[in-house]
Structures are given as C-alpha cells and as structure tokens.
Amino acid sequence: FDQIMPYIRGSAEAELVQFYYAYAHYYQKQYLLSSHYFKNFHDTYNRSEYAEEAYYMYGYSLYKQSPIYNLEQSSTVEAITAIQTFLNRYPRSEYRNDAVNMQAELRLKLEKKAYENARLYFTLGMLNPALIALDNFMKDYPDSTLSEDALYLIVEASYKYAKESILSRQKE
C-alpha cells in the first residue's frame, strides 16, 4: 500500500486503498497508526459507504491501545471521546451496542484508577490528600460499585486525621 498510494492518488481506487491501508495497520496491531488512518479516511471520505465503519474502527483502535487501569489514561479519555462522537454521529449504527459496551468498559477503567489512587493515599498515611481524592471520587462516580468502600475509607481517614490532630481541632 505504501508503494501504490502515491500513484493512485486522486483516482477512484484511492478511497478503497486508504481504507485497506488503515485495516492493514489494525491487523498488525499498530493501533495508534490505525486510529490515525481510520480518522483520516473518515475526514477525507465522510460521504463514503465505508465512513461509518472507519469512524467506528477509529474508536475501536483507540480502545485497543488503552492501557491497564493503573497506567496513565489519556488514551482512554481520547477513546471515550471518539466513541461518544461516533455514537452521536451514527445513532442507528449496527456497531452501536459494541460501542456502548466499549465506552462502559473504558469508564470503569477510569473509575477504578481514581479509587485506587485515593486508596493509595490512605495506605501511605497521607490522610488529607486521601480525603480530597475520595471526595473527588464520590463526586465523579456517585453510582460506582466502589462507593461503599470509598465511603468507609472516608470515615476511617477522617477518624485517623482527627485522632492525630491537635486537641483544639479534634472536634471539628
């Protein structure tokens, strides 16, 4: 594809070659490149019969490159944004259910990372940062399955914080 793309640029076959080129990167597990080429294809040929699939594959490639929850999650946020954009543009897509499931899985990853970060502060004895992180977790993920554990940690961290405080501030 690298060798023939310059020669067919502007021809009728160029569209299909660029689409297959993006898939070639996907099948080689080069998800960052495939996401780029699928997005580029969609932006270039947004009226193509392959445009919907290309945008789905853009989000799916980003989903595939999303790291495990305890690593940096900027690519996860990018994947969530891409999938949401896909769902907004193509609400009746055949890929809709898969996209919704991927998005839920990615959000769960962010939720788990936020909880584990807060718990790490607590484990290290950094009680004030733990309370702030747990409070932020509860604001960001109020319907989380980890809410009960987070609330328990808030109570325990508050108790320990008060116990270690000076007498005049303990009641507060």
N, C-alpha and C. Protein backbone atom coordinates (compact mmCIF):
# COMPACT_ATOMS: atom_id res chain seq x y z
N PHE A 1 0.82 -1.20 0.00
CA PHE A 1 0.00 0.00 0.00
C PHE A 1 0.86 1.26 0.00
N ASP A 2 1.97 1.22 0.74
CA ASP A 2 2.87 2.38 0.76
C ASP A 2 3.38 2.70 -0.64
N GLN A 3 3.64 1.67 -1.42
CA GLN A 3 4.22 1.88 -2.75
C GLN A 3 3.19 2.32 -3.79
N ILE A 4 1.95 1.85 -3.67
CA ILE A 4 0.96 2.20 -4.70
C ILE A 4 0.16 3.45 -4.39
N MET A 5 0.12 3.86 -3.15
CA MET A 5 -0.71 5.02 -2.78
C MET A 5 -0.33 6.30 -3.53
N PRO A 6 0.94 6.60 -3.71
CA PRO A 6 1.26 7.83 -4.45
C PRO A 6 0.80 7.80 -5.91
N TYR A 7 0.74 6.61 -6.49
CA TYR A 7 0.38 6.50 -7.91
C TYR A 7 -1.12 6.57 -8.16
N ILE A 8 -1.92 6.19 -7.16
CA ILE A 8 -3.37 6.18 -7.38
C ILE A 8 -4.08 7.37 -6.73
N ARG A 9 -3.32 8.27 -6.15
CA ARG A 9 -3.92 9.43 -5.50
C ARG A 9 -4.81 10.17 -6.49
N GLY A 10 -6.04 10.43 -6.07
CA GLY A 10 -6.98 11.15 -6.91
C GLY A 10 -7.82 10.24 -7.80
N SER A 11 -7.52 8.96 -7.83
CA SER A 11 -8.29 8.03 -8.66
C SER A 11 -9.43 7.42 -7.84
N ALA A 12 -10.28 6.68 -8.50
CA ALA A 12 -11.42 6.04 -7.84
C ALA A 12 -10.97 4.98 -6.84
N GLU A 13 -9.84 4.35 -7.10
CA GLU A 13 -9.35 3.28 -6.23
C GLU A 13 -8.69 3.81 -4.95
N ALA A 14 -8.35 5.07 -4.93
CA ALA A 14 -7.63 5.65 -3.78
C ALA A 14 -8.43 5.49 -2.48
N GLU A 15 -9.73 5.67 -2.57
CA GLU A 15 -10.58 5.55 -1.38
C GLU A 15 -10.45 4.16 -0.75
N LEU A 16 -10.61 3.13 -1.55
CA LEU A 16 -10.55 1.76 -1.05
C LEU A 16 -9.15 1.41 -0.55
N VAL A 17 -8.13 1.89 -1.23
CA VAL A 17 -6.75 1.60 -0.81
C VAL A 17 -6.47 2.24 0.55
N GLN A 18 -6.93 3.45 0.77
CA GLN A 18 -6.71 4.09 2.07
C GLN A 18 -7.47 3.36 3.18
N PHE A 19 -8.65 2.87 2.86
CA PHE A 19 -9.42 2.12 3.84
C PHE A 19 -8.70 0.82 4.21
N TYR A 20 -8.23 0.11 3.22
CA TYR A 20 -7.48 -1.13 3.46
C TYR A 20 -6.15 -0.86 4.15
N TYR A 21 -5.55 0.27 3.86
CA TYR A 21 -4.29 0.66 4.48
C TYR A 21 -4.48 0.82 5.99
N ALA A 22 -5.58 1.44 6.38
CA ALA A 22 -5.88 1.59 7.82
C ALA A 22 -6.09 0.22 8.45
N TYR A 23 -6.82 -0.66 7.75
CA TYR A 23 -7.04 -2.01 8.27
C TYR A 23 -5.73 -2.80 8.35
N ALA A 24 -4.82 -2.59 7.41
CA ALA A 24 -3.53 -3.29 7.45
C ALA A 24 -2.79 -2.96 8.74
N HIS A 25 -2.82 -1.69 9.14
CA HIS A 25 -2.18 -1.30 10.41
C HIS A 25 -2.93 -1.91 11.59
N TYR A 26 -4.24 -1.96 11.50
CA TYR A 26 -5.02 -2.55 12.59
C TYR A 26 -4.67 -4.02 12.78
N TYR A 27 -4.61 -4.78 11.69
CA TYR A 27 -4.32 -6.21 11.79
C TYR A 27 -2.88 -6.49 12.20
N GLN A 28 -2.01 -5.51 12.06
CA GLN A 28 -0.64 -5.65 12.54
C GLN A 28 -0.52 -5.17 13.99
N LYS A 29 -1.66 -4.88 14.60
CA LYS A 29 -1.75 -4.41 15.99
C LYS A 29 -1.02 -3.09 16.22
N GLN A 30 -0.96 -2.29 15.19
CA GLN A 30 -0.42 -0.93 15.30
C GLN A 30 -1.60 0.01 15.47
N TYR A 31 -2.18 -0.02 16.67
CA TYR A 31 -3.45 0.65 16.91
C TYR A 31 -3.36 2.17 16.83
N LEU A 32 -2.25 2.72 17.24
CA LEU A 32 -2.11 4.17 17.14
C LEU A 32 -2.13 4.63 15.68
N LEU A 33 -1.40 3.91 14.83
CA LEU A 33 -1.40 4.25 13.41
C LEU A 33 -2.76 3.96 12.77
N SER A 34 -3.35 2.84 13.12
CA SER A 34 -4.64 2.51 12.51
C SER A 34 -5.69 3.54 12.90
N SER A 35 -5.68 3.98 14.16
CA SER A 35 -6.65 5.00 14.57
C SER A 35 -6.45 6.28 13.75
N HIS A 36 -5.20 6.64 13.54
CA HIS A 36 -4.90 7.83 12.75
C HIS A 36 -5.42 7.68 11.32
N TYR A 37 -5.14 6.54 10.69
CA TYR A 37 -5.55 6.36 9.30
C TYR A 37 -7.06 6.18 9.14
N PHE A 38 -7.72 5.57 10.12
CA PHE A 38 -9.19 5.49 10.05
C PHE A 38 -9.81 6.87 10.20
N LYS A 39 -9.28 7.67 11.12
CA LYS A 39 -9.80 9.04 11.31
C LYS A 39 -9.54 9.87 10.05
N ASN A 40 -8.35 9.73 9.50
CA ASN A 40 -8.00 10.46 8.29
C ASN A 40 -8.92 10.04 7.13
N PHE A 41 -9.20 8.75 7.02
CA PHE A 41 -10.10 8.26 5.98
C PHE A 41 -11.48 8.88 6.15
N HIS A 42 -11.99 8.86 7.37
CA HIS A 42 -13.32 9.42 7.62
C HIS A 42 -13.37 10.91 7.30
N ASP A 43 -12.34 11.63 7.69
CA ASP A 43 -12.31 13.07 7.43
C ASP A 43 -12.23 13.36 5.93
N THR A 44 -11.52 12.51 5.20
CA THR A 44 -11.36 12.71 3.76
C THR A 44 -12.57 12.25 2.97
N TYR A 45 -13.11 11.09 3.33
CA TYR A 45 -14.21 10.47 2.58
C TYR A 45 -15.44 10.32 3.49
N ASN A 46 -15.90 11.40 4.07
CA ASN A 46 -17.01 11.28 5.03
C ASN A 46 -18.35 10.93 4.40
N ARG A 47 -18.44 10.94 3.09
CA ARG A 47 -19.67 10.52 2.41
C ARG A 47 -19.54 9.12 1.83
N SER A 48 -18.45 8.47 2.10
CA SER A 48 -18.18 7.13 1.59
C SER A 48 -19.09 6.11 2.27
N GLU A 49 -19.30 4.99 1.60
CA GLU A 49 -20.07 3.91 2.21
C GLU A 49 -19.29 3.27 3.37
N TYR A 50 -17.99 3.53 3.43
CA TYR A 50 -17.14 2.98 4.49
C TYR A 50 -16.91 3.97 5.63
N ALA A 51 -17.48 5.15 5.55
CA ALA A 51 -17.21 6.20 6.53
C ALA A 51 -17.64 5.80 7.94
N GLU A 52 -18.81 5.23 8.08
CA GLU A 52 -19.29 4.81 9.40
C GLU A 52 -18.37 3.76 10.00
N GLU A 53 -18.03 2.76 9.22
CA GLU A 53 -17.14 1.71 9.71
C GLU A 53 -15.77 2.28 10.06
N ALA A 54 -15.28 3.21 9.27
CA ALA A 54 -13.98 3.82 9.53
C ALA A 54 -13.99 4.57 10.86
N TYR A 55 -15.07 5.31 11.14
CA TYR A 55 -15.11 6.05 12.40
C TYR A 55 -15.25 5.10 13.58
N TYR A 56 -16.00 4.04 13.39
CA TYR A 56 -16.09 3.02 14.45
C TYR A 56 -14.71 2.41 14.71
N MET A 57 -14.01 2.08 13.64
CA MET A 57 -12.68 1.47 13.79
C MET A 57 -11.67 2.46 14.39
N TYR A 58 -11.88 3.73 14.14
CA TYR A 58 -11.05 4.76 14.78
C TYR A 58 -11.20 4.66 16.30
N GLY A 59 -12.44 4.63 16.77
CA GLY A 59 -12.69 4.49 18.20
C GLY A 59 -12.24 3.15 18.74
N TYR A 60 -12.46 2.10 17.96
CA TYR A 60 -12.08 0.75 18.40
C TYR A 60 -10.56 0.62 18.50
N SER A 61 -9.83 1.22 17.58
CA SER A 61 -8.37 1.19 17.63
C SER A 61 -7.86 1.92 18.88
N LEU A 62 -8.49 3.05 19.19
CA LEU A 62 -8.11 3.76 20.41
C LEU A 62 -8.45 2.92 21.64
N TYR A 63 -9.57 2.23 21.60
CA TYR A 63 -9.97 1.34 22.69
C TYR A 63 -8.92 0.23 22.88
N LYS A 64 -8.45 -0.33 21.78
CA LYS A 64 -7.48 -1.42 21.85
C LYS A 64 -6.13 -0.96 22.42
N GLN A 65 -5.78 0.29 22.24
CA GLN A 65 -4.50 0.76 22.75
C GLN A 65 -4.61 1.34 24.16
N SER A 66 -5.80 1.36 24.72
CA SER A 66 -5.98 1.86 26.07
C SER A 66 -5.24 0.94 27.07
N PRO A 67 -4.41 1.51 27.95
CA PRO A 67 -3.61 0.68 28.86
C PRO A 67 -4.43 0.18 30.05
N ILE A 68 -3.82 -0.69 30.85
CA ILE A 68 -4.49 -1.16 32.06
C ILE A 68 -4.71 0.02 33.01
N TYR A 69 -5.62 -0.17 33.95
CA TYR A 69 -6.12 0.96 34.75
C TYR A 69 -5.05 1.69 35.55
N ASN A 70 -3.98 1.02 35.96
CA ASN A 70 -3.03 1.69 36.83
C ASN A 70 -1.95 2.48 36.09
N LEU A 71 -2.06 2.57 34.76
CA LEU A 71 -1.15 3.40 33.98
C LEU A 71 -1.83 4.71 33.60
N GLU A 72 -1.09 5.59 32.96
CA GLU A 72 -1.61 6.89 32.54
C GLU A 72 -2.76 6.69 31.54
N GLN A 73 -3.84 7.44 31.70
CA GLN A 73 -5.09 7.14 30.99
C GLN A 73 -5.52 8.18 29.96
N SER A 74 -4.62 8.97 29.43
CA SER A 74 -5.04 9.98 28.44
C SER A 74 -5.58 9.32 27.17
N SER A 75 -5.02 8.17 26.78
CA SER A 75 -5.55 7.49 25.59
C SER A 75 -6.93 6.89 25.86
N THR A 76 -7.21 6.54 27.10
CA THR A 76 -8.54 6.05 27.45
C THR A 76 -9.57 7.16 27.32
N VAL A 77 -9.21 8.34 27.79
CA VAL A 77 -10.11 9.50 27.67
C VAL A 77 -10.34 9.83 26.20
N GLU A 78 -9.29 9.76 25.39
CA GLU A 78 -9.41 10.01 23.95
C GLU A 78 -10.33 8.97 23.30
N ALA A 79 -10.22 7.72 23.72
CA ALA A 79 -11.07 6.66 23.18
C ALA A 79 -12.53 6.89 23.55
N ILE A 80 -12.78 7.28 24.79
CA ILE A 80 -14.15 7.56 25.23
C ILE A 80 -14.75 8.69 24.40
N THR A 81 -13.97 9.73 24.17
CA THR A 81 -14.43 10.86 23.37
C THR A 81 -14.74 10.44 21.94
N ALA A 82 -13.86 9.64 21.35
CA ALA A 82 -14.07 9.18 19.97
C ALA A 82 -15.30 8.30 19.86
N ILE A 83 -15.50 7.42 20.82
CA ILE A 83 -16.66 6.53 20.79
C ILE A 83 -17.94 7.33 20.99
N GLN A 84 -17.91 8.32 21.88
CA GLN A 84 -19.10 9.15 22.08
C GLN A 84 -19.43 9.94 20.82
N THR A 85 -18.42 10.44 20.15
CA THR A 85 -18.63 11.16 18.89
C THR A 85 -19.23 10.22 17.85
N PHE A 86 -18.73 8.99 17.79
CA PHE A 86 -19.30 8.00 16.87
C PHE A 86 -20.78 7.77 17.18
N LEU A 87 -21.11 7.59 18.46
CA LEU A 87 -22.49 7.34 18.85
C LEU A 87 -23.39 8.54 18.53
N ASN A 88 -22.85 9.75 18.63
CA ASN A 88 -23.62 10.94 18.29
C ASN A 88 -23.85 11.06 16.79
N ARG A 89 -22.83 10.74 16.00
CA ARG A 89 -22.94 10.85 14.55
C ARG A 89 -23.75 9.73 13.92
N TYR A 90 -23.65 8.54 14.48
CA TYR A 90 -24.31 7.36 13.90
C TYR A 90 -25.15 6.66 14.97
N PRO A 91 -26.24 7.29 15.39
CA PRO A 91 -27.03 6.72 16.49
C PRO A 91 -27.73 5.40 16.14
N ARG A 92 -27.93 5.12 14.87
CA ARG A 92 -28.61 3.89 14.47
C ARG A 92 -27.64 2.87 13.85
N SER A 93 -26.39 2.99 14.19
CA SER A 93 -25.36 2.14 13.61
C SER A 93 -25.48 0.70 14.08
N GLU A 94 -25.05 -0.21 13.24
CA GLU A 94 -25.01 -1.63 13.62
C GLU A 94 -23.93 -1.88 14.67
N TYR A 95 -22.99 -0.95 14.82
CA TYR A 95 -21.91 -1.07 15.79
C TYR A 95 -22.26 -0.42 17.13
N ARG A 96 -23.47 0.09 17.25
CA ARG A 96 -23.86 0.86 18.44
C ARG A 96 -23.67 0.07 19.74
N ASN A 97 -24.17 -1.14 19.81
CA ASN A 97 -24.07 -1.91 21.06
C ASN A 97 -22.62 -2.17 21.46
N ASP A 98 -21.80 -2.50 20.47
CA ASP A 98 -20.38 -2.71 20.76
C ASP A 98 -19.74 -1.43 21.27
N ALA A 99 -20.08 -0.31 20.66
CA ALA A 99 -19.51 0.97 21.07
C ALA A 99 -19.93 1.33 22.49
N VAL A 100 -21.19 1.10 22.83
CA VAL A 100 -21.67 1.40 24.18
C VAL A 100 -20.94 0.52 25.20
N ASN A 101 -20.74 -0.75 24.88
CA ASN A 101 -20.04 -1.66 25.79
C ASN A 101 -18.58 -1.25 25.97
N MET A 102 -17.93 -0.86 24.88
CA MET A 102 -16.53 -0.40 24.97
C MET A 102 -16.44 0.84 25.85
N GLN A 103 -17.36 1.77 25.64
CA GLN A 103 -17.35 3.01 26.40
C GLN A 103 -17.54 2.73 27.90
N ALA A 104 -18.45 1.81 28.22
CA ALA A 104 -18.68 1.46 29.63
C ALA A 104 -17.43 0.83 30.24
N GLU A 105 -16.76 -0.02 29.49
CA GLU A 105 -15.54 -0.66 29.98
C GLU A 105 -14.43 0.36 30.22
N LEU A 106 -14.31 1.33 29.32
CA LEU A 106 -13.29 2.36 29.47
C LEU A 106 -13.59 3.26 30.67
N ARG A 107 -14.86 3.58 30.87
CA ARG A 107 -15.23 4.41 32.03
C ARG A 107 -14.96 3.68 33.34
N LEU A 108 -15.20 2.38 33.34
CA LEU A 108 -14.93 1.57 34.52
C LEU A 108 -13.43 1.58 34.84
N LYS A 109 -12.62 1.59 33.81
CA LYS A 109 -11.17 1.65 33.99
C LYS A 109 -10.77 2.97 34.66
N LEU A 110 -11.36 4.08 34.22
CA LEU A 110 -11.07 5.38 34.84
C LEU A 110 -11.55 5.43 36.29
N GLU A 111 -12.72 4.83 36.52
CA GLU A 111 -13.28 4.78 37.86
C GLU A 111 -12.36 4.01 38.81
N LYS A 112 -11.89 2.86 38.35
CA LYS A 112 -11.02 2.04 39.18
C LYS A 112 -9.70 2.75 39.47
N LYS A 113 -9.18 3.44 38.48
CA LYS A 113 -7.93 4.19 38.68
C LYS A 113 -8.12 5.27 39.74
N ALA A 114 -9.22 6.01 39.67
CA ALA A 114 -9.48 7.08 40.64
C ALA A 114 -9.60 6.51 42.06
N TYR A 115 -10.29 5.39 42.20
CA TYR A 115 -10.44 4.76 43.52
C TYR A 115 -9.10 4.27 44.04
N GLU A 116 -8.34 3.59 43.20
CA GLU A 116 -7.05 3.04 43.62
C GLU A 116 -6.07 4.15 43.99
N ASN A 117 -6.11 5.26 43.29
CA ASN A 117 -5.25 6.40 43.65
C ASN A 117 -5.61 6.93 45.04
N ALA A 118 -6.89 7.07 45.29
CA ALA A 118 -7.34 7.55 46.60
C ALA A 118 -6.96 6.56 47.70
N ARG A 119 -7.14 5.29 47.42
CA ARG A 119 -6.79 4.26 48.41
C ARG A 119 -5.29 4.24 48.69
N LEU A 120 -4.49 4.52 47.66
CA LEU A 120 -3.03 4.57 47.85
C LEU A 120 -2.65 5.70 48.80
N TYR A 121 -3.27 6.86 48.64
CA TYR A 121 -3.01 7.95 49.58
C TYR A 121 -3.32 7.50 51.01
N PHE A 122 -4.44 6.83 51.18
CA PHE A 122 -4.85 6.36 52.50
C PHE A 122 -3.83 5.35 53.04
N THR A 123 -3.42 4.41 52.22
CA THR A 123 -2.47 3.38 52.64
C THR A 123 -1.13 3.99 53.04
N LEU A 124 -0.72 5.03 52.34
CA LEU A 124 0.55 5.69 52.65
C LEU A 124 0.45 6.61 53.86
N GLY A 125 -0.76 6.76 54.41
CA GLY A 125 -0.95 7.60 55.58
C GLY A 125 -1.08 9.07 55.26
N MET A 126 -1.29 9.39 54.00
CA MET A 126 -1.48 10.78 53.59
C MET A 126 -2.98 11.05 53.67
N LEU A 127 -3.45 11.36 54.86
CA LEU A 127 -4.88 11.37 55.13
C LEU A 127 -5.62 12.53 54.46
N ASN A 128 -5.06 13.72 54.51
CA ASN A 128 -5.74 14.85 53.88
C ASN A 128 -5.85 14.66 52.35
N PRO A 129 -4.76 14.30 51.66
CA PRO A 129 -4.90 14.02 50.21
C PRO A 129 -5.86 12.85 49.94
N ALA A 130 -5.88 11.87 50.83
CA ALA A 130 -6.79 10.75 50.67
C ALA A 130 -8.24 11.22 50.76
N LEU A 131 -8.51 12.08 51.71
CA LEU A 131 -9.88 12.60 51.86
C LEU A 131 -10.30 13.42 50.63
N ILE A 132 -9.39 14.21 50.12
CA ILE A 132 -9.69 15.01 48.92
C ILE A 132 -9.93 14.09 47.73
N ALA A 133 -9.06 13.10 47.54
CA ALA A 133 -9.20 12.17 46.41
C ALA A 133 -10.48 11.34 46.53
N LEU A 134 -10.81 10.91 47.74
CA LEU A 134 -12.04 10.13 47.93
C LEU A 134 -13.28 10.99 47.70
N ASP A 135 -13.22 12.24 48.15
CA ASP A 135 -14.33 13.16 47.90
C ASP A 135 -14.52 13.39 46.40
N ASN A 136 -13.40 13.58 45.69
CA ASN A 136 -13.48 13.75 44.23
C ASN A 136 -14.02 12.49 43.56
N PHE A 137 -13.60 11.33 44.05
CA PHE A 137 -14.10 10.07 43.51
C PHE A 137 -15.61 9.99 43.66
N MET A 138 -16.12 10.34 44.83
CA MET A 138 -17.56 10.27 45.08
C MET A 138 -18.33 11.27 44.21
N LYS A 139 -17.73 12.43 43.95
CA LYS A 139 -18.38 13.42 43.08
C LYS A 139 -18.39 12.95 41.62
N ASP A 140 -17.26 12.37 41.19
CA ASP A 140 -17.13 11.96 39.79
C ASP A 140 -17.89 10.66 39.48
N TYR A 141 -17.96 9.76 40.46
CA TYR A 141 -18.57 8.44 40.23
C TYR A 141 -19.57 8.11 41.35
N PRO A 142 -20.66 8.86 41.44
CA PRO A 142 -21.60 8.65 42.55
C PRO A 142 -22.31 7.29 42.51
N ASP A 143 -22.44 6.70 41.34
CA ASP A 143 -23.14 5.41 41.23
C ASP A 143 -22.18 4.24 41.09
N SER A 144 -20.96 4.42 41.53
CA SER A 144 -19.93 3.39 41.40
C SER A 144 -20.22 2.20 42.31
N THR A 145 -19.76 1.04 41.87
CA THR A 145 -19.87 -0.15 42.73
C THR A 145 -18.86 -0.07 43.87
N LEU A 146 -17.90 0.84 43.78
CA LEU A 146 -16.88 1.01 44.81
C LEU A 146 -17.26 2.12 45.80
N SER A 147 -18.45 2.67 45.68
CA SER A 147 -18.88 3.79 46.54
C SER A 147 -18.88 3.41 48.01
N GLU A 148 -19.35 2.21 48.33
CA GLU A 148 -19.42 1.78 49.72
C GLU A 148 -18.01 1.71 50.32
N ASP A 149 -17.07 1.16 49.58
CA ASP A 149 -15.69 1.08 50.05
C ASP A 149 -15.10 2.48 50.20
N ALA A 150 -15.39 3.36 49.28
CA ALA A 150 -14.88 4.73 49.34
C ALA A 150 -15.45 5.46 50.55
N LEU A 151 -16.73 5.27 50.82
CA LEU A 151 -17.34 5.92 51.99
C LEU A 151 -16.72 5.41 53.28
N TYR A 152 -16.45 4.12 53.34
CA TYR A 152 -15.79 3.56 54.52
C TYR A 152 -14.41 4.18 54.71
N LEU A 153 -13.66 4.30 53.61
CA LEU A 153 -12.33 4.90 53.70
C LEU A 153 -12.42 6.37 54.12
N ILE A 154 -13.46 7.07 53.69
CA ILE A 154 -13.64 8.48 54.11
C ILE A 154 -13.83 8.55 55.62
N VAL A 155 -14.66 7.67 56.16
CA VAL A 155 -14.90 7.67 57.60
C VAL A 155 -13.62 7.31 58.35
N GLU A 156 -12.93 6.28 57.89
CA GLU A 156 -11.71 5.85 58.57
C GLU A 156 -10.61 6.91 58.48
N ALA A 157 -10.45 7.52 57.31
CA ALA A 157 -9.43 8.56 57.14
C ALA A 157 -9.77 9.78 57.99
N SER A 158 -11.04 10.14 58.06
CA SER A 158 -11.46 11.29 58.87
C SER A 158 -11.18 11.02 60.35
N TYR A 159 -11.47 9.81 60.80
CA TYR A 159 -11.23 9.44 62.19
C TYR A 159 -9.73 9.52 62.51
N LYS A 160 -8.91 8.92 61.65
CA LYS A 160 -7.46 8.94 61.88
C LYS A 160 -6.91 10.36 61.83
N TYR A 161 -7.43 11.15 60.90
CA TYR A 161 -6.99 12.54 60.77
C TYR A 161 -7.32 13.32 62.04
N ALA A 162 -8.54 13.13 62.55
CA ALA A 162 -8.95 13.82 63.77
C ALA A 162 -8.15 13.34 64.97
N LYS A 163 -7.89 12.06 65.04
CA LYS A 163 -7.14 11.48 66.16
C LYS A 163 -5.71 12.03 66.22
N GLU A 164 -5.12 12.29 65.05
CA GLU A 164 -3.75 12.79 65.00
C GLU A 164 -3.69 14.31 65.08
N SER A 165 -4.81 14.96 65.08
CA SER A 165 -4.85 16.42 65.10
C SER A 165 -4.65 16.94 66.52
N ILE A 166 -4.44 18.25 66.63
CA ILE A 166 -4.29 18.86 67.96
C ILE A 166 -5.65 18.88 68.66
N LEU A 167 -5.65 18.95 69.97
CA LEU A 167 -6.87 18.84 70.75
C LEU A 167 -7.92 19.86 70.38
N SER A 168 -7.52 21.10 70.12
CA SER A 168 -8.49 22.15 69.83
C SER A 168 -9.18 21.94 68.49
N ARG A 169 -8.58 21.14 67.58
CA ARG A 169 -9.16 20.90 66.25
C ARG A 169 -9.82 19.52 66.13
N GLN A 170 -9.68 18.67 67.14
CA GLN A 170 -10.18 17.30 67.03
C GLN A 170 -11.70 17.25 66.88
N LYS A 171 -12.43 18.08 67.59
CA LYS A 171 -13.88 18.05 67.48
C LYS A 171 -14.33 18.42 66.08
N GLU A 172 -13.67 19.39 65.50
CA GLU A 172 -14.00 19.83 64.14
C GLU A 172 -13.77 18.67 63.17
